[in-house]
Amino acid sequence: MTDRRLILALGRLERALARVEAGIETAPQPMTHDESEALFRLAERHRTLRETTESAIERIDRLLGMD
C-alpha cells in the first residue's frame, strides 16, 4: 500500500471512529413510563389491525373461491 493510500485509509478509519463515538454520546435514553405505555398501545393497535386485515383477506379469498 502506498503512503498516500495508507494516509487516506487512516483518515477514513478516524472519521468512522468519530461517527461511532458521536453515536454513543447521542444514544437513545431509556424510555419513560409514558413512552413505554404509548409503545405498548401502538403495538396492540398494530396487532388488532393486522388480525382484522388477515380476516378480511380470508373472507375475500372465500368469496373468490380461493380457500
N, C-alpha and C. Protein backbone atom coordinates (compact mmCIF):
# COMPACT_ATOMS: atom_id res chain seq x y z
N MET A 1 0.85 -1.17 0.00
CA MET A 1 0.00 0.00 0.00
C MET A 1 0.90 1.24 0.00
N THR A 2 0.59 2.16 -0.84
CA THR A 2 1.39 3.38 -0.92
C THR A 2 1.10 4.26 0.28
N ASP A 3 2.02 5.20 0.52
CA ASP A 3 1.83 6.12 1.65
C ASP A 3 0.53 6.89 1.53
N ARG A 4 0.23 7.33 0.33
CA ARG A 4 -1.00 8.11 0.12
C ARG A 4 -2.24 7.26 0.43
N ARG A 5 -2.27 6.04 -0.05
CA ARG A 5 -3.41 5.16 0.21
C ARG A 5 -3.52 4.85 1.70
N LEU A 6 -2.39 4.67 2.36
CA LEU A 6 -2.39 4.40 3.79
C LEU A 6 -2.95 5.60 4.55
N ILE A 7 -2.52 6.79 4.19
CA ILE A 7 -3.00 8.01 4.84
C ILE A 7 -4.50 8.17 4.62
N LEU A 8 -4.97 7.91 3.39
CA LEU A 8 -6.40 8.01 3.13
C LEU A 8 -7.19 6.97 3.93
N ALA A 9 -6.67 5.77 4.01
CA ALA A 9 -7.34 4.70 4.77
C ALA A 9 -7.40 5.07 6.25
N LEU A 10 -6.32 5.59 6.80
CA LEU A 10 -6.31 6.01 8.20
C LEU A 10 -7.30 7.15 8.43
N GLY A 11 -7.40 8.05 7.49
CA GLY A 11 -8.37 9.14 7.59
C GLY A 11 -9.80 8.62 7.64
N ARG A 12 -10.10 7.64 6.77
CA ARG A 12 -11.44 7.05 6.78
C ARG A 12 -11.72 6.36 8.11
N LEU A 13 -10.73 5.66 8.63
CA LEU A 13 -10.90 4.99 9.92
C LEU A 13 -11.16 6.00 11.03
N GLU A 14 -10.40 7.09 11.03
CA GLU A 14 -10.58 8.12 12.06
C GLU A 14 -11.97 8.74 11.97
N ARG A 15 -12.45 9.00 10.75
CA ARG A 15 -13.79 9.57 10.59
C ARG A 15 -14.86 8.59 11.04
N ALA A 16 -14.66 7.31 10.72
CA ALA A 16 -15.63 6.29 11.14
C ALA A 16 -15.65 6.19 12.66
N LEU A 17 -14.50 6.21 13.28
CA LEU A 17 -14.43 6.15 14.74
C LEU A 17 -15.10 7.37 15.36
N ALA A 18 -14.92 8.52 14.77
CA ALA A 18 -15.57 9.74 15.28
C ALA A 18 -17.08 9.60 15.20
N ARG A 19 -17.60 9.00 14.10
CA ARG A 19 -19.05 8.80 13.98
C ARG A 19 -19.56 7.83 15.03
N VAL A 20 -18.80 6.78 15.28
CA VAL A 20 -19.19 5.80 16.31
C VAL A 20 -19.22 6.47 17.67
N GLU A 21 -18.20 7.23 17.98
CA GLU A 21 -18.15 7.93 19.27
C GLU A 21 -19.30 8.92 19.40
N ALA A 22 -19.60 9.63 18.35
CA ALA A 22 -20.72 10.58 18.38
C ALA A 22 -22.03 9.83 18.58
N GLY A 23 -22.17 8.68 17.98
CA GLY A 23 -23.38 7.88 18.13
C GLY A 23 -23.57 7.39 19.55
N ILE A 24 -22.47 7.06 20.21
CA ILE A 24 -22.55 6.61 21.60
C ILE A 24 -23.04 7.75 22.49
N GLU A 25 -22.56 8.95 22.22
CA GLU A 25 -22.95 10.10 23.03
C GLU A 25 -24.41 10.45 22.84
N THR A 26 -24.97 10.18 21.66
CA THR A 26 -26.36 10.53 21.38
C THR A 26 -27.26 9.31 21.38
N ALA A 27 -26.82 8.23 22.02
CA ALA A 27 -27.62 7.00 22.07
C ALA A 27 -28.94 7.30 22.77
N PRO A 28 -30.00 6.65 22.33
CA PRO A 28 -31.30 6.89 22.95
C PRO A 28 -31.28 6.54 24.44
N GLN A 29 -31.98 7.33 25.19
CA GLN A 29 -32.09 7.10 26.62
C GLN A 29 -33.21 6.09 26.87
N PRO A 30 -33.19 5.45 28.03
CA PRO A 30 -34.29 4.52 28.33
C PRO A 30 -35.63 5.24 28.25
N MET A 31 -36.65 4.51 27.84
CA MET A 31 -37.97 5.11 27.69
C MET A 31 -38.58 5.44 29.04
N THR A 32 -39.33 6.53 29.05
CA THR A 32 -40.09 6.86 30.26
C THR A 32 -41.30 5.94 30.31
N HIS A 33 -41.98 5.96 31.43
CA HIS A 33 -43.18 5.13 31.59
C HIS A 33 -44.22 5.50 30.54
N ASP A 34 -44.41 6.80 30.32
CA ASP A 34 -45.40 7.25 29.33
C ASP A 34 -45.04 6.77 27.92
N GLU A 35 -43.75 6.86 27.57
CA GLU A 35 -43.31 6.41 26.25
C GLU A 35 -43.49 4.90 26.11
N SER A 36 -43.18 4.18 27.17
CA SER A 36 -43.33 2.73 27.17
C SER A 36 -44.81 2.35 27.00
N GLU A 37 -45.67 3.07 27.71
CA GLU A 37 -47.12 2.81 27.62
C GLU A 37 -47.62 3.12 26.21
N ALA A 38 -47.17 4.22 25.63
CA ALA A 38 -47.58 4.60 24.28
C ALA A 38 -47.12 3.54 23.27
N LEU A 39 -45.90 3.04 23.44
CA LEU A 39 -45.39 2.00 22.55
C LEU A 39 -46.22 0.72 22.68
N PHE A 40 -46.59 0.38 23.90
CA PHE A 40 -47.42 -0.81 24.12
C PHE A 40 -48.76 -0.65 23.43
N ARG A 41 -49.40 0.53 23.57
CA ARG A 41 -50.70 0.77 22.93
C ARG A 41 -50.56 0.71 21.40
N LEU A 42 -49.48 1.26 20.89
CA LEU A 42 -49.26 1.22 19.45
C LEU A 42 -49.09 -0.22 18.96
N ALA A 43 -48.37 -1.03 19.71
CA ALA A 43 -48.18 -2.44 19.34
C ALA A 43 -49.51 -3.18 19.38
N GLU A 44 -50.36 -2.87 20.35
CA GLU A 44 -51.67 -3.50 20.43
C GLU A 44 -52.54 -3.10 19.25
N ARG A 45 -52.52 -1.82 18.88
CA ARG A 45 -53.28 -1.35 17.73
C ARG A 45 -52.79 -2.04 16.46
N HIS A 46 -51.47 -2.19 16.34
CA HIS A 46 -50.90 -2.87 15.17
C HIS A 46 -51.37 -4.31 15.10
N ARG A 47 -51.35 -5.00 16.24
CA ARG A 47 -51.79 -6.40 16.29
C ARG A 47 -53.26 -6.50 15.87
N THR A 48 -54.10 -5.63 16.41
CA THR A 48 -55.52 -5.65 16.07
C THR A 48 -55.75 -5.38 14.59
N LEU A 49 -55.07 -4.38 14.06
CA LEU A 49 -55.21 -4.06 12.64
C LEU A 49 -54.75 -5.22 11.77
N ARG A 50 -53.64 -5.85 12.17
CA ARG A 50 -53.13 -6.99 11.40
C ARG A 50 -54.15 -8.13 11.39
N GLU A 51 -54.73 -8.43 12.56
CA GLU A 51 -55.72 -9.50 12.64
C GLU A 51 -56.95 -9.18 11.80
N THR A 52 -57.41 -7.93 11.85
CA THR A 52 -58.56 -7.51 11.06
C THR A 52 -58.27 -7.63 9.57
N THR A 53 -57.09 -7.22 9.17
CA THR A 53 -56.70 -7.29 7.76
C THR A 53 -56.62 -8.73 7.29
N GLU A 54 -55.99 -9.59 8.10
CA GLU A 54 -55.89 -11.01 7.73
C GLU A 54 -57.28 -11.64 7.62
N SER A 55 -58.19 -11.28 8.52
CA SER A 55 -59.54 -11.80 8.48
C SER A 55 -60.26 -11.34 7.21
N ALA A 56 -60.10 -10.08 6.86
CA ALA A 56 -60.73 -9.56 5.64
C ALA A 56 -60.18 -10.26 4.40
N ILE A 57 -58.89 -10.49 4.36
CA ILE A 57 -58.28 -11.18 3.22
C ILE A 57 -58.81 -12.61 3.12
N GLU A 58 -58.96 -13.28 4.26
CA GLU A 58 -59.50 -14.64 4.25
C GLU A 58 -60.93 -14.65 3.73
N ARG A 59 -61.76 -13.66 4.14
CA ARG A 59 -63.14 -13.58 3.64
C ARG A 59 -63.16 -13.34 2.13
N ILE A 60 -62.30 -12.46 1.67
CA ILE A 60 -62.22 -12.20 0.22
C ILE A 60 -61.81 -13.47 -0.52
N ASP A 61 -60.83 -14.18 0.02
CA ASP A 61 -60.40 -15.44 -0.61
C ASP A 61 -61.56 -16.43 -0.69
N ARG A 62 -62.36 -16.53 0.40
CA ARG A 62 -63.50 -17.46 0.39
C ARG A 62 -64.53 -17.02 -0.65
N LEU A 63 -64.80 -15.71 -0.74
CA LEU A 63 -65.75 -15.21 -1.72
C LEU A 63 -65.29 -15.50 -3.14
N LEU A 64 -64.01 -15.44 -3.36
CA LEU A 64 -63.46 -15.70 -4.69
C LEU A 64 -63.22 -17.18 -4.95
N GLY A 65 -63.49 -17.99 -3.92
CA GLY A 65 -63.29 -19.43 -4.06
C GLY A 65 -61.82 -19.82 -4.08
N MET A 66 -61.02 -19.06 -3.38
CA MET A 66 -59.57 -19.34 -3.37
C MET A 66 -59.14 -20.02 -2.08
N ASP A 67 -60.06 -20.49 -1.28
CA ASP A 67 -59.67 -21.10 0.00
C ASP A 67 -59.25 -22.52 -0.13
